Structures are given as C-alpha cells and as structure tokens.
Amino acid sequence: MRFCSHPSPPRPICEGEKATALLNGLTWAGVIPSERCLRFGAPEYSAHLTDIPQGEDGMRWCKEKRIIIHGFDIRRPGYCTVDMDHSAPTNLRIFGHWTVDFNEPSCKTLWENFQDKGWVAIGSKTRRIEAHVGNHQRPWDNWREMCSATSADDDGHRFDRPSSCDHRVRATTPDI
C-alpha cells in the first residue's frame, strides 16, 4: 500500500520508493562463512553492510537488505549486530548474519571407527554401536547439534541419526 499523492509534476517521492532506492544503494561487503558450524551442513555467514547514508538507522536497513549466497536470494539476515570501529569511535559497523544450509560443502560431519559393543541387554535384539564424529571443527562447532544430525551407514544398515550423543575427551600419554 502506498501513501503518496500524485499531484501535477514534479511528483513527490513515495516512502516506498525512497526505501527501495535506499536499499538498492546499500551493499554487503566481505561475505564470509564462519569457522563454526551451527548444525550439519549449516555454517553461519556474516557480512558488513556498507554505504549507509548519514543519519539513517543502519540496524533497520540491515534487517531489510537482501543478499545472494551460493546463487540463492536470501530475503533478510537471521540477525544483525553492531561493531564499533575503534579507529573512528563515531563509526559504527553493522553486520548481518545468516545460517546457510543449502549448497554448502562445509560442515559435513561423518562417523568413523565403528565399534560393536555387543548386545544392549541379555536377550535384547539390539546391539550398541559406537563411533567417533569425524570432520568436526573443534572448538567452534556445536558438537551436540552436529552429532544428532549426522546420519550413518554401517554394515548395510542406514541410520538417520544416533540414538544418543556423548562427548568424550581422548587423552594421550606422551612416550617417556
């Protein structure tokens, strides 16, 4: 809906047209994936919003600015943050953040070193299989999310996800 009258020329600029023009003049710079995976196949991407006109609310425009990542048009960031540029204290830098879970080659964990631990209980028809999560980027990844969303194929059986996840620290003893 527009709230703009159309008297004889020159025609005033409508609020919607002004917003569109302002958004079209903004640019996302330095689009980079985080080293941290939020879940299987989903890293967080961040970018700096540039060319914000003096006096405009950068956070407002950040929440409205589209971006293209891996050829897909993303309507708006998941969230926006403000960072102070310490070289010029009055210069606030606005960043947008997106969770990208499509066409993403990183954040693909897998199961390694399957170990059959035997029957769950006497008379049970269920076996306990343990494995180590591979391609996990410590300390950044959310290991519980990565574990719970990683499927496995073992000995002809397909598992969509593990029945449980448990974080164990492996210690090594140096040779003396």
N, C-alpha and C. Protein backbone atom coordinates (compact mmCIF):
# COMPACT_ATOMS: atom_id res chain seq x y z
N MET A 1 0.85 -1.16 0.00
CA MET A 1 0.00 0.00 0.00
C MET A 1 0.90 1.23 0.00
N ARG A 2 0.55 2.19 -0.83
CA ARG A 2 1.34 3.42 -0.91
C ARG A 2 0.56 4.57 -0.29
N PHE A 3 1.28 5.46 0.35
CA PHE A 3 0.70 6.67 0.91
C PHE A 3 1.38 7.85 0.23
N CYS A 4 0.99 8.08 -0.99
CA CYS A 4 1.65 9.10 -1.78
C CYS A 4 0.62 9.70 -2.73
N SER A 5 0.51 11.01 -2.72
CA SER A 5 -0.42 11.65 -3.66
C SER A 5 0.32 11.92 -4.95
N HIS A 6 -0.42 12.04 -6.01
CA HIS A 6 0.20 12.26 -7.31
C HIS A 6 -0.33 13.55 -7.93
N PRO A 7 0.08 14.71 -7.36
CA PRO A 7 -0.35 15.97 -7.97
C PRO A 7 0.39 16.18 -9.28
N SER A 8 0.18 17.29 -9.87
CA SER A 8 0.85 17.57 -11.13
C SER A 8 2.36 17.54 -10.93
N PRO A 9 3.12 17.25 -11.99
CA PRO A 9 4.58 17.14 -11.86
C PRO A 9 5.17 18.40 -11.25
N PRO A 10 6.30 18.33 -10.56
CA PRO A 10 7.02 17.09 -10.27
C PRO A 10 6.33 16.28 -9.17
N ARG A 11 6.31 14.98 -9.38
CA ARG A 11 5.67 14.06 -8.45
C ARG A 11 6.58 13.83 -7.25
N PRO A 12 6.04 13.86 -6.01
CA PRO A 12 6.89 13.60 -4.84
C PRO A 12 7.31 12.13 -4.80
N ILE A 13 8.42 11.89 -4.15
CA ILE A 13 8.88 10.51 -3.98
C ILE A 13 8.09 9.87 -2.86
N CYS A 14 7.51 8.72 -3.12
CA CYS A 14 6.74 7.98 -2.11
C CYS A 14 7.70 7.35 -1.11
N GLU A 15 7.20 7.10 0.11
CA GLU A 15 8.03 6.45 1.13
C GLU A 15 8.55 5.10 0.64
N GLY A 16 7.70 4.32 -0.03
CA GLY A 16 8.12 3.01 -0.54
C GLY A 16 9.23 3.13 -1.57
N GLU A 17 9.13 4.14 -2.43
CA GLU A 17 10.16 4.36 -3.44
C GLU A 17 11.46 4.80 -2.79
N LYS A 18 11.37 5.63 -1.76
CA LYS A 18 12.57 6.08 -1.05
C LYS A 18 13.26 4.89 -0.38
N ALA A 19 12.49 4.03 0.27
CA ALA A 19 13.06 2.86 0.94
C ALA A 19 13.71 1.93 -0.08
N THR A 20 13.06 1.71 -1.21
CA THR A 20 13.62 0.85 -2.24
C THR A 20 14.92 1.43 -2.78
N ALA A 21 14.94 2.72 -3.03
CA ALA A 21 16.15 3.38 -3.52
C ALA A 21 17.28 3.27 -2.50
N LEU A 22 16.96 3.48 -1.23
CA LEU A 22 17.98 3.39 -0.19
C LEU A 22 18.52 1.96 -0.10
N LEU A 23 17.63 0.96 -0.08
CA LEU A 23 18.07 -0.44 -0.01
C LEU A 23 18.93 -0.81 -1.21
N ASN A 24 18.56 -0.34 -2.40
CA ASN A 24 19.33 -0.64 -3.60
C ASN A 24 20.73 -0.02 -3.55
N GLY A 25 20.90 1.05 -2.79
CA GLY A 25 22.20 1.70 -2.67
C GLY A 25 23.11 1.07 -1.63
N LEU A 26 22.56 0.20 -0.79
CA LEU A 26 23.37 -0.47 0.24
C LEU A 26 24.06 -1.68 -0.35
N THR A 27 25.20 -2.04 0.23
CA THR A 27 25.98 -3.17 -0.26
C THR A 27 26.44 -4.05 0.89
N TRP A 28 26.39 -5.37 0.69
CA TRP A 28 27.00 -6.30 1.64
C TRP A 28 28.44 -6.53 1.20
N ALA A 29 29.39 -6.30 2.09
CA ALA A 29 30.81 -6.47 1.76
C ALA A 29 31.43 -7.55 2.65
N GLY A 30 32.40 -8.25 2.10
CA GLY A 30 33.14 -9.24 2.89
C GLY A 30 32.30 -10.40 3.36
N VAL A 31 31.51 -10.98 2.48
CA VAL A 31 30.66 -12.12 2.85
C VAL A 31 31.56 -13.33 3.10
N ILE A 32 31.58 -13.81 4.35
CA ILE A 32 32.45 -14.94 4.69
C ILE A 32 31.73 -15.94 5.59
N PRO A 33 32.05 -17.24 5.42
CA PRO A 33 31.49 -18.24 6.33
C PRO A 33 32.29 -18.25 7.63
N SER A 34 31.62 -18.57 8.69
CA SER A 34 32.28 -18.71 9.99
C SER A 34 33.02 -20.04 10.02
N GLU A 35 33.99 -20.17 10.91
CA GLU A 35 34.64 -21.46 11.10
C GLU A 35 33.75 -22.38 11.92
N ARG A 36 32.69 -21.85 12.45
CA ARG A 36 31.78 -22.60 13.33
C ARG A 36 30.59 -23.13 12.54
N CYS A 37 30.26 -24.40 12.76
CA CYS A 37 29.07 -24.99 12.17
C CYS A 37 27.96 -24.97 13.20
N LEU A 38 26.80 -24.48 12.79
CA LEU A 38 25.66 -24.42 13.71
C LEU A 38 24.95 -25.76 13.81
N ARG A 39 24.93 -26.49 12.68
CA ARG A 39 24.38 -27.84 12.63
C ARG A 39 24.91 -28.47 11.34
N PHE A 40 24.54 -29.72 11.07
CA PHE A 40 25.04 -30.44 9.91
C PHE A 40 24.75 -29.65 8.63
N GLY A 41 25.81 -29.37 7.88
CA GLY A 41 25.67 -28.67 6.60
C GLY A 41 25.24 -27.22 6.71
N ALA A 42 25.42 -26.60 7.89
CA ALA A 42 24.91 -25.24 8.08
C ALA A 42 25.87 -24.35 8.86
N PRO A 43 26.80 -23.69 8.16
CA PRO A 43 27.62 -22.70 8.84
C PRO A 43 26.90 -21.35 8.89
N GLU A 44 27.43 -20.46 9.69
CA GLU A 44 26.89 -19.10 9.73
C GLU A 44 27.76 -18.23 8.83
N TYR A 45 27.12 -17.41 8.00
CA TYR A 45 27.82 -16.44 7.17
C TYR A 45 27.59 -15.05 7.76
N SER A 46 28.57 -14.17 7.58
CA SER A 46 28.46 -12.79 8.04
C SER A 46 28.94 -11.85 6.94
N ALA A 47 28.41 -10.63 6.96
CA ALA A 47 28.84 -9.61 6.00
C ALA A 47 28.62 -8.23 6.62
N HIS A 48 29.43 -7.29 6.16
CA HIS A 48 29.38 -5.90 6.63
C HIS A 48 28.47 -5.10 5.69
N LEU A 49 27.50 -4.39 6.25
CA LEU A 49 26.61 -3.54 5.46
C LEU A 49 27.28 -2.19 5.25
N THR A 50 27.50 -1.82 3.99
CA THR A 50 28.20 -0.57 3.68
C THR A 50 27.27 0.41 2.97
N ASP A 51 27.76 1.63 2.83
CA ASP A 51 27.08 2.71 2.11
C ASP A 51 25.78 3.16 2.78
N ILE A 52 25.73 3.10 4.12
CA ILE A 52 24.56 3.57 4.86
C ILE A 52 24.62 5.10 4.90
N PRO A 53 23.61 5.79 4.41
CA PRO A 53 23.63 7.25 4.42
C PRO A 53 23.66 7.81 5.85
N GLN A 54 24.34 8.93 6.01
CA GLN A 54 24.43 9.61 7.30
C GLN A 54 23.02 9.86 7.84
N GLY A 55 22.81 9.57 9.11
CA GLY A 55 21.53 9.82 9.75
C GLY A 55 20.51 8.69 9.61
N GLU A 56 20.83 7.67 8.83
CA GLU A 56 19.91 6.54 8.67
C GLU A 56 20.19 5.48 9.74
N ASP A 57 19.16 4.74 10.11
CA ASP A 57 19.26 3.67 11.10
C ASP A 57 19.79 2.40 10.42
N GLY A 58 21.09 2.16 10.57
CA GLY A 58 21.73 1.02 9.92
C GLY A 58 21.13 -0.32 10.33
N MET A 59 20.74 -0.47 11.60
CA MET A 59 20.15 -1.73 12.05
C MET A 59 18.83 -1.99 11.33
N ARG A 60 18.04 -0.97 11.14
CA ARG A 60 16.76 -1.13 10.42
C ARG A 60 17.02 -1.64 9.01
N TRP A 61 17.97 -1.00 8.33
CA TRP A 61 18.23 -1.37 6.94
C TRP A 61 18.90 -2.73 6.84
N CYS A 62 19.71 -3.08 7.83
CA CYS A 62 20.33 -4.41 7.86
C CYS A 62 19.25 -5.49 7.86
N LYS A 63 18.21 -5.28 8.65
CA LYS A 63 17.14 -6.28 8.78
C LYS A 63 16.28 -6.41 7.52
N GLU A 64 16.44 -5.47 6.58
CA GLU A 64 15.64 -5.48 5.36
C GLU A 64 16.43 -5.81 4.10
N LYS A 65 17.76 -5.78 4.18
CA LYS A 65 18.59 -5.91 2.97
C LYS A 65 18.77 -7.37 2.55
N ARG A 66 18.50 -7.64 1.29
CA ARG A 66 18.66 -8.98 0.71
C ARG A 66 20.14 -9.26 0.44
N ILE A 67 20.45 -10.55 0.25
CA ILE A 67 21.80 -10.96 -0.12
C ILE A 67 21.70 -12.21 -0.99
N ILE A 68 22.70 -12.42 -1.82
CA ILE A 68 22.77 -13.65 -2.61
C ILE A 68 23.97 -14.45 -2.12
N ILE A 69 23.71 -15.68 -1.67
CA ILE A 69 24.77 -16.59 -1.22
C ILE A 69 24.57 -17.90 -1.97
N HIS A 70 25.62 -18.40 -2.60
CA HIS A 70 25.57 -19.63 -3.41
C HIS A 70 24.49 -19.56 -4.49
N GLY A 71 24.26 -18.35 -5.01
CA GLY A 71 23.28 -18.18 -6.07
C GLY A 71 21.83 -18.09 -5.60
N PHE A 72 21.60 -18.13 -4.30
CA PHE A 72 20.24 -18.03 -3.76
C PHE A 72 20.02 -16.66 -3.14
N ASP A 73 18.88 -16.08 -3.43
CA ASP A 73 18.49 -14.78 -2.90
C ASP A 73 17.87 -14.98 -1.52
N ILE A 74 18.52 -14.45 -0.49
CA ILE A 74 18.02 -14.58 0.88
C ILE A 74 17.40 -13.24 1.26
N ARG A 75 16.17 -13.29 1.67
CA ARG A 75 15.39 -12.07 1.90
C ARG A 75 15.97 -11.15 2.96
N ARG A 76 16.42 -11.71 4.09
CA ARG A 76 16.97 -10.86 5.16
C ARG A 76 17.86 -11.71 6.07
N PRO A 77 18.74 -11.06 6.84
CA PRO A 77 19.60 -11.80 7.77
C PRO A 77 18.79 -12.43 8.91
N GLY A 78 19.37 -13.45 9.53
CA GLY A 78 18.75 -14.03 10.73
C GLY A 78 18.80 -13.04 11.87
N TYR A 79 19.92 -12.31 11.94
CA TYR A 79 20.06 -11.24 12.93
C TYR A 79 21.16 -10.29 12.49
N CYS A 80 21.19 -9.12 13.12
CA CYS A 80 22.19 -8.09 12.81
C CYS A 80 22.91 -7.70 14.09
N THR A 81 24.17 -7.30 13.96
CA THR A 81 24.95 -6.84 15.11
C THR A 81 25.65 -5.53 14.77
N VAL A 82 26.05 -4.82 15.82
CA VAL A 82 26.77 -3.56 15.67
C VAL A 82 28.17 -3.76 16.24
N ASP A 83 29.17 -3.26 15.52
CA ASP A 83 30.55 -3.34 15.97
C ASP A 83 31.13 -1.93 15.89
N MET A 84 31.85 -1.53 16.92
CA MET A 84 32.46 -0.20 16.95
C MET A 84 33.79 -0.25 16.20
N ASP A 85 33.96 0.68 15.28
CA ASP A 85 35.24 0.84 14.58
C ASP A 85 36.11 1.69 15.49
N HIS A 86 37.10 1.08 16.14
CA HIS A 86 37.92 1.79 17.12
C HIS A 86 38.84 2.85 16.51
N SER A 87 39.04 2.80 15.19
CA SER A 87 39.85 3.84 14.56
C SER A 87 39.06 5.15 14.43
N ALA A 88 37.74 5.04 14.44
CA ALA A 88 36.87 6.22 14.39
C ALA A 88 35.66 5.92 15.28
N PRO A 89 35.72 6.28 16.57
CA PRO A 89 34.68 5.88 17.53
C PRO A 89 33.25 6.22 17.16
N THR A 90 33.05 7.19 16.28
CA THR A 90 31.68 7.52 15.89
C THR A 90 31.20 6.64 14.74
N ASN A 91 32.09 5.82 14.21
CA ASN A 91 31.76 4.97 13.07
C ASN A 91 31.32 3.58 13.54
N LEU A 92 30.02 3.32 13.51
CA LEU A 92 29.51 2.01 13.87
C LEU A 92 29.44 1.15 12.62
N ARG A 93 29.88 -0.08 12.74
CA ARG A 93 29.79 -1.01 11.61
C ARG A 93 28.65 -1.99 11.88
N ILE A 94 27.81 -2.19 10.90
CA ILE A 94 26.65 -3.06 11.00
C ILE A 94 26.95 -4.36 10.24
N PHE A 95 26.68 -5.49 10.89
CA PHE A 95 26.90 -6.80 10.27
C PHE A 95 25.61 -7.60 10.24
N GLY A 96 25.38 -8.29 9.13
CA GLY A 96 24.27 -9.23 9.02
C GLY A 96 24.82 -10.64 9.16
N HIS A 97 23.99 -11.55 9.67
CA HIS A 97 24.39 -12.94 9.89
C HIS A 97 23.30 -13.87 9.37
N TRP A 98 23.70 -14.91 8.62
CA TRP A 98 22.77 -15.86 8.02
C TRP A 98 23.21 -17.28 8.31
N THR A 99 22.25 -18.17 8.55
CA THR A 99 22.53 -19.60 8.64
C THR A 99 22.28 -20.15 7.24
N VAL A 100 23.33 -20.69 6.62
CA VAL A 100 23.23 -21.17 5.24
C VAL A 100 23.24 -22.70 5.27
N ASP A 101 22.11 -23.29 4.89
CA ASP A 101 22.00 -24.75 4.93
C ASP A 101 21.67 -25.33 3.55
N PHE A 102 22.16 -24.68 2.49
CA PHE A 102 21.94 -25.16 1.13
C PHE A 102 23.22 -24.95 0.33
N ASN A 103 23.50 -25.87 -0.59
CA ASN A 103 24.70 -25.81 -1.43
C ASN A 103 25.94 -25.51 -0.61
N GLU A 104 26.02 -26.07 0.58
CA GLU A 104 27.12 -25.76 1.48
C GLU A 104 28.04 -26.97 1.63
N PRO A 105 29.25 -26.87 1.07
CA PRO A 105 30.16 -28.01 1.12
C PRO A 105 30.80 -28.24 2.49
N SER A 106 30.83 -27.23 3.33
CA SER A 106 31.47 -27.41 4.64
C SER A 106 30.45 -27.92 5.66
N CYS A 107 30.91 -28.19 6.84
CA CYS A 107 30.06 -28.63 7.96
C CYS A 107 29.43 -29.99 7.70
N LYS A 108 30.14 -30.85 7.02
CA LYS A 108 29.62 -32.19 6.75
C LYS A 108 30.37 -33.20 7.61
N THR A 109 29.82 -33.48 8.78
CA THR A 109 30.44 -34.47 9.66
C THR A 109 30.10 -35.87 9.17
N LEU A 110 30.88 -36.84 9.65
CA LEU A 110 30.67 -38.24 9.29
C LEU A 110 31.09 -39.10 10.47
N TRP A 111 30.70 -40.36 10.43
CA TRP A 111 31.04 -41.29 11.51
C TRP A 111 32.27 -42.10 11.12
N GLU A 112 33.20 -42.26 12.06
CA GLU A 112 34.44 -43.01 11.84
C GLU A 112 34.62 -44.04 12.95
N ASN A 113 35.37 -45.08 12.65
CA ASN A 113 35.78 -46.09 13.65
C ASN A 113 34.60 -46.72 14.39
N PHE A 114 33.70 -47.34 13.63
CA PHE A 114 32.56 -48.02 14.25
C PHE A 114 33.05 -49.16 15.14
N GLN A 115 32.49 -49.26 16.32
CA GLN A 115 32.84 -50.34 17.26
C GLN A 115 31.56 -50.99 17.76
N ASP A 116 31.47 -52.31 17.58
CA ASP A 116 30.33 -53.07 18.07
C ASP A 116 30.58 -53.40 19.54
N LYS A 117 29.77 -52.86 20.43
CA LYS A 117 29.93 -53.05 21.88
C LYS A 117 29.08 -54.20 22.41
N GLY A 118 28.45 -54.95 21.52
CA GLY A 118 27.66 -56.10 21.95
C GLY A 118 26.19 -55.77 22.16
N TRP A 119 25.47 -56.73 22.73
CA TRP A 119 24.03 -56.56 22.96
C TRP A 119 23.79 -55.51 24.03
N VAL A 120 22.70 -54.76 23.86
CA VAL A 120 22.34 -53.73 24.84
C VAL A 120 22.00 -54.37 26.18
N ALA A 121 21.30 -55.51 26.15
CA ALA A 121 20.96 -56.27 27.36
C ALA A 121 20.82 -57.74 26.99
N ILE A 122 20.89 -58.61 27.98
CA ILE A 122 20.74 -60.05 27.74
C ILE A 122 19.35 -60.29 27.15
N GLY A 123 19.31 -61.03 26.05
CA GLY A 123 18.04 -61.32 25.38
C GLY A 123 17.57 -60.22 24.44
N SER A 124 18.27 -59.11 24.42
CA SER A 124 17.90 -57.99 23.55
C SER A 124 18.25 -58.32 22.11
N LYS A 125 17.52 -57.75 21.20
CA LYS A 125 17.84 -57.90 19.78
C LYS A 125 18.44 -56.61 19.24
N THR A 126 18.93 -55.78 20.15
CA THR A 126 19.53 -54.50 19.79
C THR A 126 20.99 -54.48 20.21
N ARG A 127 21.84 -54.08 19.27
CA ARG A 127 23.27 -54.00 19.58
C ARG A 127 23.66 -52.54 19.76
N ARG A 128 24.67 -52.33 20.57
CA ARG A 128 25.20 -50.98 20.80
C ARG A 128 26.41 -50.80 19.89
N ILE A 129 26.31 -49.83 19.01
CA ILE A 129 27.41 -49.49 18.10
C ILE A 129 27.87 -48.09 18.46
N GLU A 130 29.15 -47.91 18.64
CA GLU A 130 29.71 -46.59 18.94
C GLU A 130 30.62 -46.17 17.80
N ALA A 131 30.69 -44.88 17.58
CA ALA A 131 31.57 -44.33 16.54
C ALA A 131 31.99 -42.93 16.94
N HIS A 132 33.04 -42.47 16.30
CA HIS A 132 33.59 -41.13 16.55
C HIS A 132 33.12 -40.20 15.44
N VAL A 133 32.74 -38.97 15.79
CA VAL A 133 32.33 -37.97 14.79
C VAL A 133 33.59 -37.42 14.13
N GLY A 134 33.68 -37.57 12.81
CA GLY A 134 34.81 -37.05 12.05
C GLY A 134 34.44 -35.76 11.34
N ASN A 135 35.46 -35.03 10.92
CA ASN A 135 35.32 -33.74 10.24
C ASN A 135 34.60 -32.72 11.12
N HIS A 136 34.88 -32.79 12.38
CA HIS A 136 34.29 -31.89 13.38
C HIS A 136 35.31 -30.80 13.66
N GLN A 137 34.91 -29.55 13.57
CA GLN A 137 35.83 -28.42 13.73
C GLN A 137 35.81 -27.90 15.16
N ARG A 138 36.60 -28.49 16.03
CA ARG A 138 36.66 -28.02 17.41
C ARG A 138 37.45 -26.73 17.48
N PRO A 139 37.20 -25.85 18.36
CA PRO A 139 36.13 -25.83 19.37
C PRO A 139 34.88 -25.11 18.88
N TRP A 140 34.84 -24.75 17.59
CA TRP A 140 33.78 -23.87 17.10
C TRP A 140 32.43 -24.56 16.92
N ASP A 141 32.43 -25.78 16.41
CA ASP A 141 31.17 -26.44 16.09
C ASP A 141 30.32 -26.72 17.33
N ASN A 142 29.04 -26.72 17.13
CA ASN A 142 28.11 -27.15 18.15
C ASN A 142 28.07 -28.67 18.05
N TRP A 143 28.93 -29.36 18.81
CA TRP A 143 29.12 -30.79 18.64
C TRP A 143 27.82 -31.58 18.86
N ARG A 144 26.98 -31.16 19.80
CA ARG A 144 25.75 -31.92 20.07
C ARG A 144 24.81 -31.83 18.86
N GLU A 145 24.68 -30.65 18.27
CA GLU A 145 23.85 -30.49 17.07
C GLU A 145 24.42 -31.30 15.91
N MET A 146 25.74 -31.23 15.75
CA MET A 146 26.38 -31.95 14.65
C MET A 146 26.19 -33.45 14.83
N CYS A 147 26.40 -33.96 16.03
CA CYS A 147 26.24 -35.39 16.31
C CYS A 147 24.81 -35.83 16.04
N SER A 148 23.86 -35.11 16.59
CA SER A 148 22.46 -35.55 16.50
C SER A 148 21.89 -35.49 15.08
N ALA A 149 22.55 -34.78 14.18
CA ALA A 149 22.04 -34.65 12.81
C ALA A 149 22.87 -35.40 11.78
N THR A 150 23.88 -36.16 12.21
CA THR A 150 24.75 -36.87 11.27
C THR A 150 24.26 -38.30 11.07
N SER A 151 23.92 -38.64 9.83
CA SER A 151 23.44 -39.99 9.53
C SER A 151 24.63 -40.93 9.36
N ALA A 152 24.35 -42.24 9.33
CA ALA A 152 25.42 -43.23 9.21
C ALA A 152 24.97 -44.43 8.39
N ASP A 153 25.92 -45.03 7.71
CA ASP A 153 25.73 -46.31 7.03
C ASP A 153 26.78 -47.24 7.60
N ASP A 154 26.33 -48.34 8.22
CA ASP A 154 27.28 -49.29 8.81
C ASP A 154 26.80 -50.71 8.55
N ASP A 155 27.64 -51.50 7.93
CA ASP A 155 27.37 -52.91 7.71
C ASP A 155 26.01 -53.15 7.05
N GLY A 156 25.70 -52.33 6.04
CA GLY A 156 24.45 -52.48 5.31
C GLY A 156 23.23 -51.88 5.97
N HIS A 157 23.40 -51.20 7.08
CA HIS A 157 22.28 -50.58 7.78
C HIS A 157 22.39 -49.06 7.69
N ARG A 158 21.25 -48.42 7.50
CA ARG A 158 21.19 -46.95 7.41
C ARG A 158 20.57 -46.40 8.68
N PHE A 159 21.25 -45.42 9.29
CA PHE A 159 20.75 -44.77 10.50
C PHE A 159 20.65 -43.27 10.21
N ASP A 160 19.45 -42.70 10.36
CA ASP A 160 19.27 -41.27 10.10
C ASP A 160 20.00 -40.41 11.12
N ARG A 161 20.08 -40.91 12.34
CA ARG A 161 20.76 -40.18 13.42
C ARG A 161 21.06 -41.16 14.54
N PRO A 162 21.98 -40.82 15.42
CA PRO A 162 22.27 -41.71 16.54
C PRO A 162 21.14 -41.67 17.58
N SER A 163 21.08 -42.71 18.40
CA SER A 163 20.07 -42.71 19.47
C SER A 163 20.51 -41.82 20.62
N SER A 164 21.80 -41.57 20.73
CA SER A 164 22.30 -40.64 21.75
C SER A 164 23.68 -40.13 21.35
N CYS A 165 24.07 -39.02 21.95
CA CYS A 165 25.39 -38.43 21.71
C CYS A 165 26.07 -38.23 23.06
N ASP A 166 27.36 -38.48 23.07
CA ASP A 166 28.09 -38.34 24.31
C ASP A 166 29.48 -37.83 23.97
N HIS A 167 29.90 -36.82 24.69
CA HIS A 167 31.17 -36.14 24.42
C HIS A 167 32.26 -36.72 25.32
N ARG A 168 33.21 -37.39 24.73
CA ARG A 168 34.31 -37.97 25.49
C ARG A 168 35.62 -37.34 25.04
N VAL A 169 36.43 -37.03 26.00
CA VAL A 169 37.74 -36.45 25.71
C VAL A 169 38.74 -37.59 25.65
N ARG A 170 39.48 -37.64 24.57
CA ARG A 170 40.51 -38.67 24.43
C ARG A 170 41.84 -38.10 24.90
N ALA A 171 42.41 -38.75 25.86
CA ALA A 171 43.70 -38.30 26.38
C ALA A 171 44.79 -39.23 25.87
N THR A 172 45.94 -38.65 25.61
CA THR A 172 47.08 -39.46 25.20
C THR A 172 48.20 -39.25 26.20
N THR A 173 48.96 -40.28 26.39
CA THR A 173 50.09 -40.20 27.30
C THR A 173 51.35 -40.10 26.46
N PRO A 174 52.14 -39.07 26.70
CA PRO A 174 53.38 -38.94 25.91
C PRO A 174 54.34 -40.08 26.24
N ASP A 175 55.11 -40.46 25.24
CA ASP A 175 56.12 -41.51 25.47
C ASP A 175 57.18 -41.00 26.43
N ILE A 176 57.51 -41.84 27.37
CA ILE A 176 58.51 -41.44 28.37
C ILE A 176 59.84 -42.06 28.02
